[in-house]
Amino acid sequence: MLLTGDYHTHTIYSHGKGTVLENAERAKEIGLKEIAISDHGFRQMAFGLRQKRIPSLIADCRSATEKTGVKVYVGIEANLCGESGKTDLEERDYKNFDVYLMGIHRFVKFEKFRDMNNILVKNYLYTFFKKQASKSLIDYNTRALINSIQKYPIDAITHLNYLSFCNVAEVAKAARDYGTYIELNSKKVHLSDEELALVNDTGVRFIIDSDAHSTDRIGDTKLVEEMIARVGISEDRIDNINGRYPDFRFRKYKEKNL
């Protein structure tokens, strides 16, 4: 399995350790054709990307592309902000970005107190105490993710079910129907083998990403390779390996609407 592009990498623009150029140089070193710099969204209160730094990020991505020959996309890993599905990437900012990832994170400026209580507090408590989440919380998270997929041109859902709980099959069906990928994250175990099998059965398509926070992890697929071998996922279902490139939804949306 050869990775064509890694679309989930972090830099010092959020809480990664490498610069944009260092990420691109590492991508070139290991033979990747393209990479996205997808730092955390604006409402991540501790280390999210700041609006005033967008011009610098864009300039760094363009410069890194010229210097390395690796296509460096301006991406973002947006945050889910509430049950409504709202994320922290506003349409007015679409023009500045090439790749639109979204996931559930903590310490985010949520829409409502109820959203904070569910996404931050309850998900954390069930995870910490290793208990089965309540049906109401699972239903809430599932609705929020599906609403987001339906409302926004999201390219991929990152680390589905990591430190949160949802009906993974229902979320995957929505992703399948709207052209959003489910990310297979090689940094952390985010789906059990049983959950991944349920996701696979929906027919949704996948991309593999490293979620690298340091340059040495860019392009790392080891954890995912082990997982898909156990579950029996065909490599034909993964759109950023073996010379294939993802058919990203966000790009098509921008071509049509902007």
C-alpha atoms as a PDB file:
ATOM      1  CA  MET A   1       0.000   0.000   0.000  1.00  0.00           C
ATOM      2  CA  LEU A   2       1.451   3.336  -1.101  1.00  0.00           C
ATOM      3  CA  LEU A   3      -0.047   6.562   0.197  1.00  0.00           C
ATOM      4  CA  THR A   4      -0.611   9.170  -2.519  1.00  0.00           C
ATOM      5  CA  GLY A   5      -1.498  12.097  -0.260  1.00  0.00           C
ATOM      6  CA  ASP A   6      -1.789  12.765   3.466  1.00  0.00           C
ATOM      7  CA  TYR A   7      -4.584  15.255   4.116  1.00  0.00           C
ATOM      8  CA  HIS A   8      -4.494  15.514   7.905  1.00  0.00           C
ATOM      9  CA  THR A   9      -1.262  17.039   9.167  1.00  0.00           C
ATOM     10  CA  HIS A  10      -0.688  19.705  11.806  1.00  0.00           C
ATOM     11  CA  THR A  11       1.910  22.438  12.125  1.00  0.00           C
ATOM     12  CA  ILE A  12       2.915  25.210  14.485  1.00  0.00           C
ATOM     13  CA  TYR A  13      -0.165  27.091  13.249  1.00  0.00           C
ATOM     14  CA  SER A  14      -2.043  25.014  15.839  1.00  0.00           C
ATOM     15  CA  HIS A  15      -0.250  22.513  18.076  1.00  0.00           C
ATOM     16  CA  GLY A  16       1.931  20.621  15.649  1.00  0.00           C
ATOM     17  CA  LYS A  17       5.699  20.719  15.956  1.00  0.00           C
ATOM     18  CA  GLY A  18       6.753  21.271  12.345  1.00  0.00           C
ATOM     19  CA  THR A  19       6.467  24.161   9.954  1.00  0.00           C
ATOM     20  CA  VAL A  20       4.541  23.952   6.682  1.00  0.00           C
ATOM     21  CA  LEU A  21       7.809  23.625   4.758  1.00  0.00           C
ATOM     22  CA  GLU A  22       9.095  20.891   7.071  1.00  0.00           C
ATOM     23  CA  ASN A  23       5.886  18.911   6.602  1.00  0.00           C
ATOM     24  CA  ALA A  24       6.176  19.278   2.830  1.00  0.00           C
ATOM     25  CA  GLU A  25       9.845  18.277   2.828  1.00  0.00           C
ATOM     26  CA  ARG A  26       9.008  15.144   4.776  1.00  0.00           C
ATOM     27  CA  ALA A  27       6.178  14.362   2.370  1.00  0.00           C
ATOM     28  CA  LYS A  28       8.603  14.639  -0.553  1.00  0.00           C
ATOM     29  CA  GLU A  29      11.156  12.467   1.228  1.00  0.00           C
ATOM     30  CA  ILE A  30       8.706   9.576   1.554  1.00  0.00           C
ATOM     31  CA  GLY A  31       7.250   9.940  -1.936  1.00  0.00           C
ATOM     32  CA  LEU A  32       3.903  11.616  -1.323  1.00  0.00           C
ATOM     33  CA  LYS A  33       2.473  13.627  -4.208  1.00  0.00           C
ATOM     34  CA  GLU A  34       0.372  15.991  -2.112  1.00  0.00           C
ATOM     35  CA  ILE A  35      -0.345  16.969   1.457  1.00  0.00           C
ATOM     36  CA  ALA A  36      -2.795  19.156   3.321  1.00  0.00           C
ATOM     37  CA  ILE A  37      -1.976  21.372   6.255  1.00  0.00           C
ATOM     38  CA  SER A  38      -5.139  20.899   8.304  1.00  0.00           C
ATOM     39  CA  ASP A  39      -4.672  22.693  11.573  1.00  0.00           C
ATOM     40  CA  HIS A  40      -7.418  22.921  14.173  1.00  0.00           C
ATOM     41  CA  GLY A  41     -10.388  25.196  13.595  1.00  0.00           C
ATOM     42  CA  PHE A  42     -10.913  28.690  14.914  1.00  0.00           C
ATOM     43  CA  ARG A  43     -13.093  27.786  17.907  1.00  0.00           C
ATOM     44  CA  GLN A  44     -10.525  25.470  19.457  1.00  0.00           C
ATOM     45  CA  MET A  45      -9.749  27.752  22.358  1.00  0.00           C
ATOM     46  CA  ALA A  46      -6.292  26.508  23.322  1.00  0.00           C
ATOM     47  CA  PHE A  47      -4.520  26.155  19.986  1.00  0.00           C
ATOM     48  CA  GLY A  48      -6.908  26.683  17.078  1.00  0.00           C
ATOM     49  CA  LEU A  49      -5.843  28.491  13.928  1.00  0.00           C
ATOM     50  CA  ARG A  50      -6.318  32.239  14.294  1.00  0.00           C
ATOM     51  CA  GLN A  51      -8.028  34.263  11.591  1.00  0.00           C
ATOM     52  CA  LYS A  52      -5.216  36.807  11.407  1.00  0.00           C
ATOM     53  CA  ARG A  53      -2.760  34.049  10.497  1.00  0.00           C
ATOM     54  CA  ILE A  54      -4.650  32.807   7.434  1.00  0.00           C
ATOM     55  CA  PRO A  55      -2.674  34.976   4.933  1.00  0.00           C
ATOM     56  CA  SER A  56       0.594  33.680   6.367  1.00  0.00           C
ATOM     57  CA  LEU A  57      -0.622  30.067   6.185  1.00  0.00           C
ATOM     58  CA  ILE A  58      -1.657  30.485   2.557  1.00  0.00           C
ATOM     59  CA  ALA A  59       1.693  32.042   1.676  1.00  0.00           C
ATOM     60  CA  ASP A  60       3.581  29.238   3.441  1.00  0.00           C
ATOM     61  CA  CYS A  61       1.617  26.555   1.583  1.00  0.00           C
ATOM     62  CA  ARG A  62       2.279  28.173  -1.791  1.00  0.00           C
ATOM     63  CA  SER A  63       5.963  28.616  -1.008  1.00  0.00           C
ATOM     64  CA  ALA A  64       6.314  25.004   0.167  1.00  0.00           C
ATOM     65  CA  THR A  65       4.677  23.789  -3.044  1.00  0.00           C
ATOM     66  CA  GLU A  66       7.180  25.754  -5.132  1.00  0.00           C
ATOM     67  CA  LYS A  67      10.194  24.630  -3.102  1.00  0.00           C
ATOM     68  CA  THR A  68       9.371  20.913  -2.850  1.00  0.00           C
ATOM     69  CA  GLY A  69       7.205  20.087  -5.862  1.00  0.00           C
ATOM     70  CA  VAL A  70       4.692  18.506  -3.492  1.00  0.00           C
ATOM     71  CA  LYS A  71       1.239  20.044  -3.811  1.00  0.00           C
ATOM     72  CA  VAL A  72       0.530  21.602  -0.411  1.00  0.00           C
ATOM     73  CA  TYR A  73      -3.142  22.328   0.231  1.00  0.00           C
ATOM     74  CA  VAL A  74      -4.485  24.847   2.715  1.00  0.00           C
ATOM     75  CA  GLY A  75      -6.721  22.696   4.871  1.00  0.00           C
ATOM     76  CA  ILE A  76      -8.522  22.894   8.176  1.00  0.00           C
ATOM     77  CA  GLU A  77      -9.725  20.380  10.730  1.00  0.00           C
ATOM     78  CA  ALA A  78     -12.893  22.170  11.723  1.00  0.00           C
ATOM     79  CA  ASN A  79     -14.678  21.554  15.008  1.00  0.00           C
ATOM     80  CA  LEU A  80     -18.216  20.333  15.474  1.00  0.00           C
ATOM     81  CA  CYS A  81     -19.845  23.088  17.510  1.00  0.00           C
ATOM     82  CA  GLY A  82     -23.327  21.806  18.249  1.00  0.00           C
ATOM     83  CA  GLU A  83     -26.258  19.537  17.573  1.00  0.00           C
ATOM     84  CA  SER A  84     -27.255  21.755  14.651  1.00  0.00           C
ATOM     85  CA  GLY A  85     -24.157  20.495  12.852  1.00  0.00           C
ATOM     86  CA  LYS A  86     -22.500  23.906  12.811  1.00  0.00           C
ATOM     87  CA  THR A  87     -18.745  23.953  12.380  1.00  0.00           C
ATOM     88  CA  ASP A  88     -16.269  26.765  12.877  1.00  0.00           C
ATOM     89  CA  LEU A  89     -15.476  27.163   9.175  1.00  0.00           C
ATOM     90  CA  GLU A  90     -17.776  29.917   7.939  1.00  0.00           C
ATOM     91  CA  GLU A  91     -18.705  30.201   4.281  1.00  0.00           C
ATOM     92  CA  ARG A  92     -16.993  33.584   4.083  1.00  0.00           C
ATOM     93  CA  ASP A  93     -13.699  31.750   4.687  1.00  0.00           C
ATOM     94  CA  TYR A  94     -14.210  29.021   2.083  1.00  0.00           C
ATOM     95  CA  LYS A  95     -12.183  30.969  -0.460  1.00  0.00           C
ATOM     96  CA  ASN A  96      -9.088  30.611   1.716  1.00  0.00           C
ATOM     97  CA  PHE A  97      -9.130  26.813   2.050  1.00  0.00           C
ATOM     98  CA  ASP A  98      -8.705  23.791  -0.208  1.00  0.00           C
ATOM     99  CA  VAL A  99      -9.515  20.865   2.108  1.00  0.00           C
ATOM    100  CA  TYR A 100     -12.307  20.760   4.698  1.00  0.00           C
ATOM    101  CA  LEU A 101     -12.011  18.122   7.410  1.00  0.00           C
ATOM    102  CA  MET A 102     -14.236  18.041  10.494  1.00  0.00           C
ATOM    103  CA  GLY A 103     -14.253  16.158  13.772  1.00  0.00           C
ATOM    104  CA  ILE A 104     -15.345  16.207  17.378  1.00  0.00           C
ATOM    105  CA  HIS A 105     -12.854  17.907  19.698  1.00  0.00           C
ATOM    106  CA  ARG A 106     -12.781  19.256  23.218  1.00  0.00           C
ATOM    107  CA  PHE A 107     -12.291  22.754  24.620  1.00  0.00           C
ATOM    108  CA  VAL A 108     -14.226  24.259  21.762  1.00  0.00           C
ATOM    109  CA  LYS A 109     -16.454  27.322  21.881  1.00  0.00           C
ATOM    110  CA  PHE A 110     -19.737  25.449  21.452  1.00  0.00           C
ATOM    111  CA  GLU A 111     -23.031  26.921  20.259  1.00  0.00           C
ATOM    112  CA  LYS A 112     -25.014  26.240  23.434  1.00  0.00           C
ATOM    113  CA  PHE A 113     -24.485  25.049  26.982  1.00  0.00           C
ATOM    114  CA  ARG A 114     -26.218  21.782  26.085  1.00  0.00           C
ATOM    115  CA  ASP A 115     -23.707  21.223  23.311  1.00  0.00           C
ATOM    116  CA  MET A 116     -20.806  21.773  25.687  1.00  0.00           C
ATOM    117  CA  ASN A 117     -22.409  19.444  28.242  1.00  0.00           C
ATOM    118  CA  ASN A 118     -22.778  16.651  25.689  1.00  0.00           C
ATOM    119  CA  ILE A 119     -19.753  17.018  23.416  1.00  0.00           C
ATOM    120  CA  LEU A 120     -17.275  17.961  26.117  1.00  0.00           C
ATOM    121  CA  VAL A 121     -18.504  16.792  29.508  1.00  0.00           C
ATOM    122  CA  LYS A 122     -20.582  13.662  28.893  1.00  0.00           C
ATOM    123  CA  ASN A 123     -18.366  12.220  26.178  1.00  0.00           C
ATOM    124  CA  TYR A 124     -15.377  12.736  28.446  1.00  0.00           C
ATOM    125  CA  LEU A 125     -16.986  11.154  31.502  1.00  0.00           C
ATOM    126  CA  TYR A 126     -18.146   8.041  29.647  1.00  0.00           C
ATOM    127  CA  THR A 127     -14.693   7.707  28.085  1.00  0.00           C
ATOM    128  CA  PHE A 128     -12.828   8.251  31.360  1.00  0.00           C
ATOM    129  CA  PHE A 129     -14.908   5.755  33.317  1.00  0.00           C
ATOM    130  CA  LYS A 130     -14.960   3.303  30.377  1.00  0.00           C
ATOM    131  CA  LYS A 131     -18.713   2.934  30.502  1.00  0.00           C
ATOM    132  CA  GLN A 132     -21.241   2.380  27.757  1.00  0.00           C
ATOM    133  CA  ALA A 133     -22.610   5.748  26.696  1.00  0.00           C
ATOM    134  CA  SER A 134     -26.293   6.440  27.164  1.00  0.00           C
ATOM    135  CA  LYS A 135     -28.619   6.070  24.202  1.00  0.00           C
ATOM    136  CA  SER A 136     -29.516   9.754  24.454  1.00  0.00           C
ATOM    137  CA  LEU A 137     -25.857  10.802  24.121  1.00  0.00           C
ATOM    138  CA  ILE A 138     -25.254   8.415  21.216  1.00  0.00           C
ATOM    139  CA  ASP A 139     -28.351   9.764  19.473  1.00  0.00           C
ATOM    140  CA  TYR A 140     -27.271  13.349  20.113  1.00  0.00           C
ATOM    141  CA  ASN A 141     -23.771  12.844  18.694  1.00  0.00           C
ATOM    142  CA  THR A 142     -25.181  10.967  15.719  1.00  0.00           C
ATOM    143  CA  ARG A 143     -27.649  13.743  14.906  1.00  0.00           C
ATOM    144  CA  ALA A 144     -24.973  16.399  15.217  1.00  0.00           C
ATOM    145  CA  LEU A 145     -22.584  14.622  12.840  1.00  0.00           C
ATOM    146  CA  ILE A 146     -25.280  13.823  10.285  1.00  0.00           C
ATOM    147  CA  ASN A 147     -26.585  17.387  10.388  1.00  0.00           C
ATOM    148  CA  SER A 148     -23.076  18.649   9.704  1.00  0.00           C
ATOM    149  CA  ILE A 149     -22.537  16.292   6.774  1.00  0.00           C
ATOM    150  CA  GLN A 150     -25.878  17.312   5.279  1.00  0.00           C
ATOM    151  CA  LYS A 151     -25.348  21.065   5.694  1.00  0.00           C
ATOM    152  CA  TYR A 152     -21.710  21.575   4.788  1.00  0.00           C
ATOM    153  CA  PRO A 153     -19.375  20.365   1.983  1.00  0.00           C
ATOM    154  CA  ILE A 154     -17.113  18.420   4.330  1.00  0.00           C
ATOM    155  CA  ASP A 155     -14.426  16.317   2.681  1.00  0.00           C
ATOM    156  CA  ALA A 156     -13.888  13.848   5.529  1.00  0.00           C
ATOM    157  CA  ILE A 157     -14.958  13.106   9.080  1.00  0.00           C
ATOM    158  CA  THR A 158     -11.829  12.717  11.179  1.00  0.00           C
ATOM    159  CA  HIS A 159     -11.293   9.999  13.829  1.00  0.00           C
ATOM    160  CA  LEU A 160     -14.973   9.037  13.994  1.00  0.00           C
ATOM    161  CA  ASN A 161     -15.988   7.900  17.500  1.00  0.00           C
ATOM    162  CA  TYR A 162     -12.692   8.883  19.115  1.00  0.00           C
ATOM    163  CA  LEU A 163     -13.453  10.166  22.632  1.00  0.00           C
ATOM    164  CA  SER A 164     -17.099  10.372  21.613  1.00  0.00           C
ATOM    165  CA  PHE A 165     -19.920   7.980  20.872  1.00  0.00           C
ATOM    166  CA  CYS A 166     -22.286   7.703  17.910  1.00  0.00           C
ATOM    167  CA  ASN A 167     -24.080   5.245  15.676  1.00  0.00           C
ATOM    168  CA  VAL A 168     -21.182   4.818  13.284  1.00  0.00           C
ATOM    169  CA  ALA A 169     -23.230   3.068  10.604  1.00  0.00           C
ATOM    170  CA  GLU A 170     -25.777   5.895  10.423  1.00  0.00           C
ATOM    171  CA  VAL A 171     -23.062   8.525  10.197  1.00  0.00           C
ATOM    172  CA  ALA A 172     -21.294   6.503   7.505  1.00  0.00           C
ATOM    173  CA  LYS A 173     -24.522   6.215   5.497  1.00  0.00           C
ATOM    174  CA  ALA A 174     -24.893   9.993   5.530  1.00  0.00           C
ATOM    175  CA  ALA A 175     -21.256  10.380   4.506  1.00  0.00           C
ATOM    176  CA  ARG A 176     -21.782   7.899   1.672  1.00  0.00           C
ATOM    177  CA  ASP A 177     -24.906   9.688   0.436  1.00  0.00           C
ATOM    178  CA  TYR A 178     -23.367  13.182   0.503  1.00  0.00           C
ATOM    179  CA  GLY A 179     -19.885  12.340  -0.799  1.00  0.00           C
ATOM    180  CA  THR A 180     -17.961  12.769   2.446  1.00  0.00           C
ATOM    181  CA  TYR A 181     -15.137  10.375   3.270  1.00  0.00           C
ATOM    182  CA  ILE A 182     -14.658   8.540   6.540  1.00  0.00           C
ATOM    183  CA  GLU A 183     -11.067   9.000   7.610  1.00  0.00           C
ATOM    184  CA  LEU A 184      -9.053   6.014   8.785  1.00  0.00           C
ATOM    185  CA  ASN A 185      -6.784   7.734  11.278  1.00  0.00           C
ATOM    186  CA  SER A 186      -3.353   6.222  11.762  1.00  0.00           C
ATOM    187  CA  LYS A 187      -2.523   8.167  14.909  1.00  0.00           C
ATOM    188  CA  LYS A 188      -5.125   6.677  17.236  1.00  0.00           C
ATOM    189  CA  VAL A 189      -7.513   3.751  17.485  1.00  0.00           C
ATOM    190  CA  HIS A 190     -10.852   5.424  16.904  1.00  0.00           C
ATOM    191  CA  LEU A 191     -13.048   2.528  15.813  1.00  0.00           C
ATOM    192  CA  SER A 192     -13.192  -1.010  17.135  1.00  0.00           C
ATOM    193  CA  ASP A 193     -12.916  -3.755  14.539  1.00  0.00           C
ATOM    194  CA  GLU A 194     -16.646  -4.383  14.924  1.00  0.00           C
ATOM    195  CA  GLU A 195     -17.466  -0.707  14.387  1.00  0.00           C
ATOM    196  CA  LEU A 196     -15.191  -0.475  11.362  1.00  0.00           C
ATOM    197  CA  ALA A 197     -16.891  -3.521   9.865  1.00  0.00           C
ATOM    198  CA  LEU A 198     -20.263  -1.803  10.267  1.00  0.00           C
ATOM    199  CA  VAL A 199     -18.902   1.340   8.592  1.00  0.00           C
ATOM    200  CA  ASN A 200     -17.417  -0.725   5.771  1.00  0.00           C
ATOM    201  CA  ASP A 201     -20.729  -2.479   5.174  1.00  0.00           C
ATOM    202  CA  THR A 202     -22.404   0.845   4.308  1.00  0.00           C
ATOM    203  CA  GLY A 203     -20.317   1.242   1.159  1.00  0.00           C
ATOM    204  CA  VAL A 204     -18.818   4.560   2.247  1.00  0.00           C
ATOM    205  CA  ARG A 205     -15.411   5.395   0.854  1.00  0.00           C
ATOM    206  CA  PHE A 206     -12.283   6.010   2.911  1.00  0.00           C
ATOM    207  CA  ILE A 207      -9.101   8.019   3.027  1.00  0.00           C
ATOM    208  CA  ILE A 208      -6.125   7.197   5.248  1.00  0.00           C
ATOM    209  CA  ASP A 209      -4.511  10.077   7.136  1.00  0.00           C
ATOM    210  CA  SER A 210      -1.654  10.241   9.600  1.00  0.00           C
ATOM    211  CA  ASP A 211      -3.020  13.047  11.814  1.00  0.00           C
ATOM    212  CA  ALA A 212       0.662  13.885  12.199  1.00  0.00           C
ATOM    213  CA  HIS A 213       1.610  16.413  14.858  1.00  0.00           C
ATOM    214  CA  SER A 214       5.309  15.937  14.107  1.00  0.00           C
ATOM    215  CA  THR A 215       7.078  15.597  10.785  1.00  0.00           C
ATOM    216  CA  ASP A 216       8.328  12.064  11.449  1.00  0.00           C
ATOM    217  CA  ARG A 217       4.747  10.749  11.442  1.00  0.00           C
ATOM    218  CA  ILE A 218       3.671  12.184   8.103  1.00  0.00           C
ATOM    219  CA  GLY A 219       2.539   9.418   5.770  1.00  0.00           C
ATOM    220  CA  ASP A 220       2.386   6.848   8.573  1.00  0.00           C
ATOM    221  CA  THR A 221      -0.191   4.149   7.745  1.00  0.00           C
ATOM    222  CA  LYS A 222       0.930   1.296  10.034  1.00  0.00           C
ATOM    223  CA  LEU A 223      -2.010   1.367  12.463  1.00  0.00           C
ATOM    224  CA  VAL A 224      -4.567   1.518   9.657  1.00  0.00           C
ATOM    225  CA  GLU A 225      -2.907  -1.228   7.633  1.00  0.00           C
ATOM    226  CA  GLU A 226      -3.156  -3.533  10.628  1.00  0.00           C
ATOM    227  CA  MET A 227      -6.805  -2.579  11.142  1.00  0.00           C
ATOM    228  CA  ILE A 228      -7.969  -3.059   7.574  1.00  0.00           C
ATOM    229  CA  ALA A 229      -6.157  -6.402   7.375  1.00  0.00           C
ATOM    230  CA  ARG A 230      -8.066  -7.632  10.428  1.00  0.00           C
ATOM    231  CA  VAL A 231     -11.431  -6.321   9.231  1.00  0.00           C
ATOM    232  CA  GLY A 232     -10.942  -7.216   5.580  1.00  0.00           C
ATOM    233  CA  ILE A 233     -11.415  -3.814   3.929  1.00  0.00           C
ATOM    234  CA  SER A 234     -10.533  -3.792   0.250  1.00  0.00           C
ATOM    235  CA  GLU A 235      -7.855  -1.337  -0.818  1.00  0.00           C
ATOM    236  CA  ASP A 236     -10.171  -0.403  -3.685  1.00  0.00           C
ATOM    237  CA  ARG A 237     -12.360   1.414  -1.148  1.00  0.00           C
ATOM    238  CA  ILE A 238      -9.529   3.764  -0.142  1.00  0.00           C
ATOM    239  CA  ASP A 239      -9.104   6.742  -2.459  1.00  0.00           C
ATOM    240  CA  ASN A 240      -5.679   8.133  -1.535  1.00  0.00           C
ATOM    241  CA  ILE A 241      -3.458   5.121  -2.084  1.00  0.00           C
ATOM    242  CA  ASN A 242      -1.712   3.431  -5.007  1.00  0.00           C
ATOM    243  CA  GLY A 243      -1.789   6.507  -7.236  1.00  0.00           C
ATOM    244  CA  ARG A 244      -5.448   7.395  -6.631  1.00  0.00           C
ATOM    245  CA  TYR A 245      -6.583  10.838  -5.499  1.00  0.00           C
ATOM    246  CA  PRO A 246      -9.725  11.641  -3.495  1.00  0.00           C
ATOM    247  CA  ASP A 247     -12.706  13.190  -5.232  1.00  0.00           C
ATOM    248  CA  PHE A 248     -13.105  15.884  -2.617  1.00  0.00           C
ATOM    249  CA  ARG A 249     -16.550  17.371  -2.076  1.00  0.00           C
ATOM    250  CA  PHE A 250     -15.348  20.800  -0.959  1.00  0.00           C
ATOM    251  CA  ARG A 251     -13.444  21.393  -4.173  1.00  0.00           C
ATOM    252  CA  LYS A 252     -16.506  20.588  -6.290  1.00  0.00           C
ATOM    253  CA  TYR A 253     -18.685  22.832  -4.113  1.00  0.00           C
ATOM    254  CA  LYS A 254     -16.313  25.760  -4.582  1.00  0.00           C
ATOM    255  CA  GLU A 255     -16.085  25.236  -8.338  1.00  0.00           C
ATOM    256  CA  LYS A 256     -19.871  25.367  -8.572  1.00  0.00           C
ATOM    257  CA  ASN A 257     -20.684  28.085  -6.058  1.00  0.00           C
ATOM    258  CA  LEU A 258     -17.717  30.438  -5.613  1.00  0.00           C
END
